[in-house]
């Protein structure tokens, strides 16, 4: 099970980066803004990154937004 997890993470590094960035963006902004504003900023960053990818790189990826959402959810509870 752990080996499968490591294998998935190594082949999907971008999803892990989306998760971690959303997690830390929310924590950073929540240090001096109310939680709802920190969440909105994290969402804007995630959607902005996907718009950037659509225009310049590999295209829109819904799984990246899912990873962003999971990062936000984990940040809210931890």
PDB file of N, CA and C in Angstrom:
ATOM      1  N   UNK A   1       0.814  -1.190   0.000  1.00  0.00           N
ATOM      2  CA  UNK A   1       0.000   0.000   0.000  1.00  0.00           C
ATOM      3  C   UNK A   1       0.866   1.266   0.000  1.00  0.00           C
ATOM      4  N   UNK A   2       1.875   1.297   0.864  1.00  0.00           N
ATOM      5  CA  UNK A   2       2.769   2.459   0.921  1.00  0.00           C
ATOM      6  C   UNK A   2       3.547   2.594  -0.383  1.00  0.00           C
ATOM      7  N   UNK A   3       3.969   1.473  -0.939  1.00  0.00           N
ATOM      8  CA  UNK A   3       4.702   1.492  -2.206  1.00  0.00           C
ATOM      9  C   UNK A   3       3.822   2.067  -3.322  1.00  0.00           C
ATOM     10  N   UNK A   4       2.550   1.720  -3.334  1.00  0.00           N
ATOM     11  CA  UNK A   4       1.625   2.259  -4.338  1.00  0.00           C
ATOM     12  C   UNK A   4       1.456   3.760  -4.171  1.00  0.00           C
ATOM     13  N   UNK A   5       1.401   4.208  -2.920  1.00  0.00           N
ATOM     14  CA  UNK A   5       1.289   5.641  -2.653  1.00  0.00           C
ATOM     15  C   UNK A   5       2.506   6.386  -3.176  1.00  0.00           C
ATOM     16  N   UNK A   6       3.703   5.884  -2.871  1.00  0.00           N
ATOM     17  CA  UNK A   6       4.932   6.523  -3.348  1.00  0.00           C
ATOM     18  C   UNK A   6       4.994   6.520  -4.865  1.00  0.00           C
ATOM     19  N   UNK A   7       4.579   5.441  -5.475  1.00  0.00           N
ATOM     20  CA  UNK A   7       4.569   5.348  -6.925  1.00  0.00           C
ATOM     21  C   UNK A   7       3.632   6.392  -7.520  1.00  0.00           C
ATOM     22  N   UNK A   8       2.460   6.551  -6.918  1.00  0.00           N
ATOM     23  CA  UNK A   8       1.503   7.543  -7.399  1.00  0.00           C
ATOM     24  C   UNK A   8       2.061   8.956  -7.246  1.00  0.00           C
ATOM     25  N   UNK A   9       2.638   9.245  -6.101  1.00  0.00           N
ATOM     26  CA  UNK A   9       3.187  10.584  -5.853  1.00  0.00           C
ATOM     27  C   UNK A   9       4.312  10.899  -6.826  1.00  0.00           C
ATOM     28  N   UNK A  10       5.167   9.932  -7.093  1.00  0.00           N
ATOM     29  CA  UNK A  10       6.283  10.168  -8.003  1.00  0.00           C
ATOM     30  C   UNK A  10       5.821  10.409  -9.438  1.00  0.00           C
ATOM     31  N   UNK A  11       4.719   9.791  -9.827  1.00  0.00           N
ATOM     32  CA  UNK A  11       4.228   9.984 -11.193  1.00  0.00           C
ATOM     33  C   UNK A  11       3.268  11.160 -11.305  1.00  0.00           C
ATOM     34  N   UNK A  12       2.790  11.688 -10.186  1.00  0.00           N
ATOM     35  CA  UNK A  12       1.851  12.812 -10.182  1.00  0.00           C
ATOM     36  C   UNK A  12       2.355  13.931  -9.263  1.00  0.00           C
ATOM     37  N   UNK A  13       3.577  14.347  -9.457  1.00  0.00           N
ATOM     38  CA  UNK A  13       4.162  15.387  -8.604  1.00  0.00           C
ATOM     39  C   UNK A  13       3.376  16.694  -8.674  1.00  0.00           C
ATOM     40  N   UNK A  14       2.818  16.976  -9.827  1.00  0.00           N
ATOM     41  CA  UNK A  14       2.075  18.220  -9.999  1.00  0.00           C
ATOM     42  C   UNK A  14       0.872  18.279  -9.068  1.00  0.00           C
ATOM     43  N   UNK A  15       0.202  17.161  -8.869  1.00  0.00           N
ATOM     44  CA  UNK A  15      -0.959  17.135  -7.971  1.00  0.00           C
ATOM     45  C   UNK A  15      -0.530  17.384  -6.527  1.00  0.00           C
ATOM     46  N   UNK A  16       0.581  16.810  -6.142  1.00  0.00           N
ATOM     47  CA  UNK A  16       1.108  17.039  -4.799  1.00  0.00           C
ATOM     48  C   UNK A  16       1.479  18.506  -4.611  1.00  0.00           C
ATOM     49  N   UNK A  17       2.069  19.112  -5.618  1.00  0.00           N
ATOM     50  CA  UNK A  17       2.413  20.531  -5.526  1.00  0.00           C
ATOM     51  C   UNK A  17       1.165  21.403  -5.421  1.00  0.00           C
ATOM     52  N   UNK A  18       0.122  21.067  -6.159  1.00  0.00           N
ATOM     53  CA  UNK A  18      -1.132  21.803  -6.042  1.00  0.00           C
ATOM     54  C   UNK A  18      -1.689  21.692  -4.630  1.00  0.00           C
ATOM     55  N   UNK A  19      -1.689  20.480  -4.084  1.00  0.00           N
ATOM     56  CA  UNK A  19      -2.184  20.250  -2.733  1.00  0.00           C
ATOM     57  C   UNK A  19      -1.397  21.085  -1.729  1.00  0.00           C
ATOM     58  N   UNK A  20      -0.075  20.999  -1.785  1.00  0.00           N
ATOM     59  CA  UNK A  20       0.777  21.696  -0.817  1.00  0.00           C
ATOM     60  C   UNK A  20       0.679  23.217  -0.954  1.00  0.00           C
ATOM     61  N   UNK A  21       0.662  23.708  -2.183  1.00  0.00           N
ATOM     62  CA  UNK A  21       0.565  25.162  -2.379  1.00  0.00           C
ATOM     63  C   UNK A  21      -0.747  25.705  -1.836  1.00  0.00           C
ATOM     64  N   UNK A  22      -1.850  25.021  -2.115  1.00  0.00           N
ATOM     65  CA  UNK A  22      -3.138  25.473  -1.588  1.00  0.00           C
ATOM     66  C   UNK A  22      -3.149  25.432  -0.072  1.00  0.00           C
ATOM     67  N   UNK A  23      -2.585  24.372   0.476  1.00  0.00           N
ATOM     68  CA  UNK A  23      -2.505  24.220   1.931  1.00  0.00           C
ATOM     69  C   UNK A  23      -1.744  25.390   2.552  1.00  0.00           C
ATOM     70  N   UNK A  24      -0.559  25.683   2.026  1.00  0.00           N
ATOM     71  CA  UNK A  24       0.273  26.729   2.616  1.00  0.00           C
ATOM     72  C   UNK A  24      -0.216  28.137   2.289  1.00  0.00           C
ATOM     73  N   UNK A  25      -0.813  28.336   1.121  1.00  0.00           N
ATOM     74  CA  UNK A  25      -1.385  29.648   0.794  1.00  0.00           C
ATOM     75  C   UNK A  25      -2.488  29.984   1.789  1.00  0.00           C
ATOM     76  N   UNK A  26      -3.357  29.006   2.065  1.00  0.00           N
ATOM     77  CA  UNK A  26      -4.434  29.250   3.019  1.00  0.00           C
ATOM     78  C   UNK A  26      -3.872  29.555   4.398  1.00  0.00           C
ATOM     79  N   UNK A  27      -2.893  28.784   4.851  1.00  0.00           N
ATOM     80  CA  UNK A  27      -2.311  29.032   6.174  1.00  0.00           C
ATOM     81  C   UNK A  27      -1.618  30.395   6.243  1.00  0.00           C
ATOM     82  N   UNK A  28      -0.922  30.757   5.186  1.00  0.00           N
ATOM     83  CA  UNK A  28      -0.232  32.044   5.169  1.00  0.00           C
ATOM     84  C   UNK A  28      -1.228  33.198   5.297  1.00  0.00           C
ATOM     85  N   UNK A  29      -2.239  33.216   4.443  1.00  0.00           N
ATOM     86  CA  UNK A  29      -3.185  34.330   4.460  1.00  0.00           C
ATOM     87  C   UNK A  29      -4.101  34.291   5.676  1.00  0.00           C
ATOM     88  N   UNK A  30      -4.351  33.109   6.208  1.00  0.00           N
ATOM     89  CA  UNK A  30      -5.185  33.014   7.402  1.00  0.00           C
ATOM     90  C   UNK A  30      -4.477  33.567   8.635  1.00  0.00           C
ATOM     91  N   UNK A  31      -3.172  33.759   8.558  1.00  0.00           N
ATOM     92  CA  UNK A  31      -2.433  34.331   9.682  1.00  0.00           C
ATOM     93  C   UNK A  31      -2.836  35.779   9.936  1.00  0.00           C
ATOM     94  N   UNK A  32      -3.281  36.497   8.882  1.00  0.00           N
ATOM     95  CA  UNK A  32      -3.645  37.898   9.095  1.00  0.00           C
ATOM     96  C   UNK A  32      -4.976  38.286   8.443  1.00  0.00           C
ATOM     97  N   UNK A  33      -5.705  37.311   7.897  1.00  0.00           N
ATOM     98  CA  UNK A  33      -7.039  37.558   7.341  1.00  0.00           C
ATOM     99  C   UNK A  33      -8.024  36.550   7.917  1.00  0.00           C
ATOM    100  N   UNK A  34      -9.301  36.879   7.910  1.00  0.00           N
ATOM    101  CA  UNK A  34     -10.290  35.879   8.321  1.00  0.00           C
ATOM    102  C   UNK A  34     -10.254  34.656   7.395  1.00  0.00           C
ATOM    103  N   UNK A  35     -10.694  33.540   7.928  1.00  0.00           N
ATOM    104  CA  UNK A  35     -10.619  32.265   7.199  1.00  0.00           C
ATOM    105  C   UNK A  35     -11.291  32.334   5.836  1.00  0.00           C
ATOM    106  N   UNK A  36     -12.447  32.934   5.742  1.00  0.00           N
ATOM    107  CA  UNK A  36     -13.172  32.960   4.464  1.00  0.00           C
ATOM    108  C   UNK A  36     -12.370  33.675   3.385  1.00  0.00           C
ATOM    109  N   UNK A  37     -11.668  34.740   3.741  1.00  0.00           N
ATOM    110  CA  UNK A  37     -10.846  35.452   2.760  1.00  0.00           C
ATOM    111  C   UNK A  37      -9.624  34.631   2.361  1.00  0.00           C
ATOM    112  N   UNK A  38      -9.045  33.923   3.310  1.00  0.00           N
ATOM    113  CA  UNK A  38      -7.911  33.054   3.001  1.00  0.00           C
ATOM    114  C   UNK A  38      -8.340  31.933   2.060  1.00  0.00           C
ATOM    115  N   UNK A  39      -9.526  31.391   2.281  1.00  0.00           N
ATOM    116  CA  UNK A  39     -10.055  30.350   1.384  1.00  0.00           C
ATOM    117  C   UNK A  39     -10.257  30.911  -0.015  1.00  0.00           C
ATOM    118  N   UNK A  40     -10.868  32.086  -0.107  1.00  0.00           N
ATOM    119  CA  UNK A  40     -11.107  32.704  -1.416  1.00  0.00           C
ATOM    120  C   UNK A  40      -9.806  32.981  -2.156  1.00  0.00           C
ATOM    121  N   UNK A  41      -8.806  33.436  -1.453  1.00  0.00           N
ATOM    122  CA  UNK A  41      -7.506  33.690  -2.085  1.00  0.00           C
ATOM    123  C   UNK A  41      -6.902  32.384  -2.590  1.00  0.00           C
ATOM    124  N   UNK A  42      -6.997  31.318  -1.819  1.00  0.00           N
ATOM    125  CA  UNK A  42      -6.479  30.016  -2.247  1.00  0.00           C
ATOM    126  C   UNK A  42      -7.199  29.521  -3.488  1.00  0.00           C
ATOM    127  N   UNK A  43      -8.509  29.702  -3.518  1.00  0.00           N
ATOM    128  CA  UNK A  43      -9.296  29.294  -4.681  1.00  0.00           C
ATOM    129  C   UNK A  43      -8.893  30.101  -5.916  1.00  0.00           C
ATOM    130  N   UNK A  44      -8.729  31.404  -5.739  1.00  0.00           N
ATOM    131  CA  UNK A  44      -8.318  32.259  -6.856  1.00  0.00           C
ATOM    132  C   UNK A  44      -6.949  31.840  -7.385  1.00  0.00           C
ATOM    133  N   UNK A  45      -6.015  31.530  -6.489  1.00  0.00           N
ATOM    134  CA  UNK A  45      -4.707  31.063  -6.927  1.00  0.00           C
ATOM    135  C   UNK A  45      -4.828  29.770  -7.739  1.00  0.00           C
ATOM    136  N   UNK A  46      -5.638  28.826  -7.255  1.00  0.00           N
ATOM    137  CA  UNK A  46      -5.800  27.550  -7.946  1.00  0.00           C
ATOM    138  C   UNK A  46      -6.415  27.708  -9.324  1.00  0.00           C
ATOM    139  N   UNK A  47      -7.477  28.492  -9.405  1.00  0.00           N
ATOM    140  CA  UNK A  47      -8.118  28.720 -10.705  1.00  0.00           C
ATOM    141  C   UNK A  47      -7.205  29.514 -11.623  1.00  0.00           C
ATOM    142  N   UNK A  48      -6.511  30.484 -11.060  1.00  0.00           N
ATOM    143  CA  UNK A  48      -5.552  31.252 -11.859  1.00  0.00           C
ATOM    144  C   UNK A  48      -4.461  30.379 -12.443  1.00  0.00           C
ATOM    145  N   UNK A  49      -3.980  29.442 -11.657  1.00  0.00           N
ATOM    146  CA  UNK A  49      -2.947  28.526 -12.158  1.00  0.00           C
ATOM    147  C   UNK A  49      -3.478  27.677 -13.303  1.00  0.00           C
ATOM    148  N   UNK A  50      -4.738  27.243 -13.201  1.00  0.00           N
ATOM    149  CA  UNK A  50      -5.316  26.444 -14.279  1.00  0.00           C
ATOM    150  C   UNK A  50      -5.546  27.276 -15.541  1.00  0.00           C
ATOM    151  N   UNK A  51      -5.936  28.525 -15.365  1.00  0.00           N
ATOM    152  CA  UNK A  51      -6.073  29.415 -16.535  1.00  0.00           C
ATOM    153  C   UNK A  51      -4.714  29.601 -17.194  1.00  0.00           C
ATOM    154  N   UNK A  52      -3.679  29.793 -16.383  1.00  0.00           N
ATOM    155  CA  UNK A  52      -2.318  29.913 -16.912  1.00  0.00           C
ATOM    156  C   UNK A  52      -1.921  28.653 -17.682  1.00  0.00           C
ATOM    157  N   UNK A  53      -2.194  27.491 -17.106  1.00  0.00           N
ATOM    158  CA  UNK A  53      -1.879  26.227 -17.786  1.00  0.00           C
ATOM    159  C   UNK A  53      -2.650  26.094 -19.094  1.00  0.00           C
ATOM    160  N   UNK A  54      -3.897  26.520 -19.106  1.00  0.00           N
ATOM    161  CA  UNK A  54      -4.723  26.439 -20.314  1.00  0.00           C
ATOM    162  C   UNK A  54      -4.130  27.295 -21.433  1.00  0.00           C
ATOM    163  N   UNK A  55      -3.651  28.468 -21.071  1.00  0.00           N
ATOM    164  CA  UNK A  55      -3.123  29.392 -22.083  1.00  0.00           C
ATOM    165  C   UNK A  55      -1.691  29.070 -22.511  1.00  0.00           C
ATOM    166  N   UNK A  56      -0.849  28.634 -21.566  1.00  0.00           N
ATOM    167  CA  UNK A  56       0.583  28.550 -21.837  1.00  0.00           C
ATOM    168  C   UNK A  56       1.171  27.137 -21.837  1.00  0.00           C
ATOM    169  N   UNK A  57       0.537  26.193 -21.150  1.00  0.00           N
ATOM    170  CA  UNK A  57       1.203  24.904 -20.943  1.00  0.00           C
ATOM    171  C   UNK A  57       0.336  23.731 -21.382  1.00  0.00           C
ATOM    172  N   UNK A  58       0.057  22.847 -20.470  1.00  0.00           N
ATOM    173  CA  UNK A  58      -0.539  21.553 -20.786  1.00  0.00           C
ATOM    174  C   UNK A  58      -2.054  21.548 -20.887  1.00  0.00           C
ATOM    175  N   UNK A  59      -2.714  22.634 -20.579  1.00  0.00           N
ATOM    176  CA  UNK A  59      -4.169  22.681 -20.637  1.00  0.00           C
ATOM    177  C   UNK A  59      -4.807  22.539 -19.267  1.00  0.00           C
ATOM    178  N   UNK A  60      -6.103  22.733 -19.252  1.00  0.00           N
ATOM    179  CA  UNK A  60      -6.895  22.685 -18.029  1.00  0.00           C
ATOM    180  C   UNK A  60      -6.900  21.266 -17.483  1.00  0.00           C
ATOM    181  N   UNK A  61      -6.778  21.128 -16.168  1.00  0.00           N
ATOM    182  CA  UNK A  61      -6.805  19.811 -15.525  1.00  0.00           C
ATOM    183  C   UNK A  61      -7.690  19.878 -14.285  1.00  0.00           C
ATOM    184  N   UNK A  62      -8.837  19.201 -14.348  1.00  0.00           N
ATOM    185  CA  UNK A  62      -9.773  19.196 -13.224  1.00  0.00           C
ATOM    186  C   UNK A  62      -9.175  18.521 -11.999  1.00  0.00           C
ATOM    187  N   UNK A  63      -8.270  17.569 -12.219  1.00  0.00           N
ATOM    188  CA  UNK A  63      -7.647  16.891 -11.078  1.00  0.00           C
ATOM    189  C   UNK A  63      -6.712  17.822 -10.310  1.00  0.00           C
ATOM    190  N   UNK A  64      -6.130  18.791 -10.992  1.00  0.00           N
ATOM    191  CA  UNK A  64      -5.343  19.810 -10.291  1.00  0.00           C
ATOM    192  C   UNK A  64      -6.244  20.621  -9.358  1.00  0.00           C
ATOM    193  N   UNK A  65      -7.424  20.965  -9.841  1.00  0.00           N
ATOM    194  CA  UNK A  65      -8.359  21.706  -8.985  1.00  0.00           C
ATOM    195  C   UNK A  65      -8.848  20.845  -7.825  1.00  0.00           C
ATOM    196  N   UNK A  66      -8.992  19.548  -8.067  1.00  0.00           N
ATOM    197  CA  UNK A  66      -9.352  18.644  -6.976  1.00  0.00           C
ATOM    198  C   UNK A  66      -8.243  18.627  -5.925  1.00  0.00           C
ATOM    199  N   UNK A  67      -6.988  18.576  -6.366  1.00  0.00           N
ATOM    200  CA  UNK A  67      -5.861  18.602  -5.434  1.00  0.00           C
ATOM    201  C   UNK A  67      -5.835  19.925  -4.667  1.00  0.00           C
ATOM    202  N   UNK A  68      -6.138  21.031  -5.355  1.00  0.00           N
ATOM    203  CA  UNK A  68      -6.226  22.332  -4.676  1.00  0.00           C
ATOM    204  C   UNK A  68      -7.315  22.308  -3.608  1.00  0.00           C
ATOM    205  N   UNK A  69      -8.464  21.766  -3.959  1.00  0.00           N
ATOM    206  CA  UNK A  69      -9.586  21.701  -3.024  1.00  0.00           C
ATOM    207  C   UNK A  69      -9.236  20.853  -1.802  1.00  0.00           C
ATOM    208  N   UNK A  70      -8.602  19.725  -2.027  1.00  0.00           N
ATOM    209  CA  UNK A  70      -8.202  18.873  -0.903  1.00  0.00           C
ATOM    210  C   UNK A  70      -7.185  19.577  -0.014  1.00  0.00           C
ATOM    211  N   UNK A  71      -6.265  20.326  -0.621  1.00  0.00           N
ATOM    212  CA  UNK A  71      -5.302  21.098   0.164  1.00  0.00           C
ATOM    213  C   UNK A  71      -5.983  22.141   1.027  1.00  0.00           C
ATOM    214  N   UNK A  72      -7.002  22.787   0.483  1.00  0.00           N
ATOM    215  CA  UNK A  72      -7.753  23.785   1.243  1.00  0.00           C
ATOM    216  C   UNK A  72      -8.509  23.125   2.389  1.00  0.00           C
ATOM    217  N   UNK A  73      -9.158  22.009   2.095  1.00  0.00           N
ATOM    218  CA  UNK A  73      -9.910  21.296   3.143  1.00  0.00           C
ATOM    219  C   UNK A  73      -8.989  20.842   4.274  1.00  0.00           C
ATOM    220  N   UNK A  74      -7.862  20.271   3.922  1.00  0.00           N
ATOM    221  CA  UNK A  74      -6.915  19.835   4.959  1.00  0.00           C
ATOM    222  C   UNK A  74      -6.408  21.035   5.752  1.00  0.00           C
ATOM    223  N   UNK A  75      -6.159  22.154   5.090  1.00  0.00           N
ATOM    224  CA  UNK A  75      -5.653  23.334   5.803  1.00  0.00           C
ATOM    225  C   UNK A  75      -6.691  23.869   6.779  1.00  0.00           C
ATOM    226  N   UNK A  76      -7.962  23.774   6.434  1.00  0.00           N
ATOM    227  CA  UNK A  76      -9.013  24.256   7.321  1.00  0.00           C
ATOM    228  C   UNK A  76      -9.025  23.454   8.622  1.00  0.00           C
ATOM    229  N   UNK A  77      -8.822  22.155   8.511  1.00  0.00           N
ATOM    230  CA  UNK A  77      -8.943  21.280   9.672  1.00  0.00           C
ATOM    231  C   UNK A  77      -7.617  21.057  10.418  1.00  0.00           C
ATOM    232  N   UNK A  78      -6.495  21.452   9.817  1.00  0.00           N
ATOM    233  CA  UNK A  78      -5.203  21.226  10.501  1.00  0.00           C
ATOM    234  C   UNK A  78      -4.483  22.534  10.699  1.00  0.00           C
TER     235      UNK A  78
END
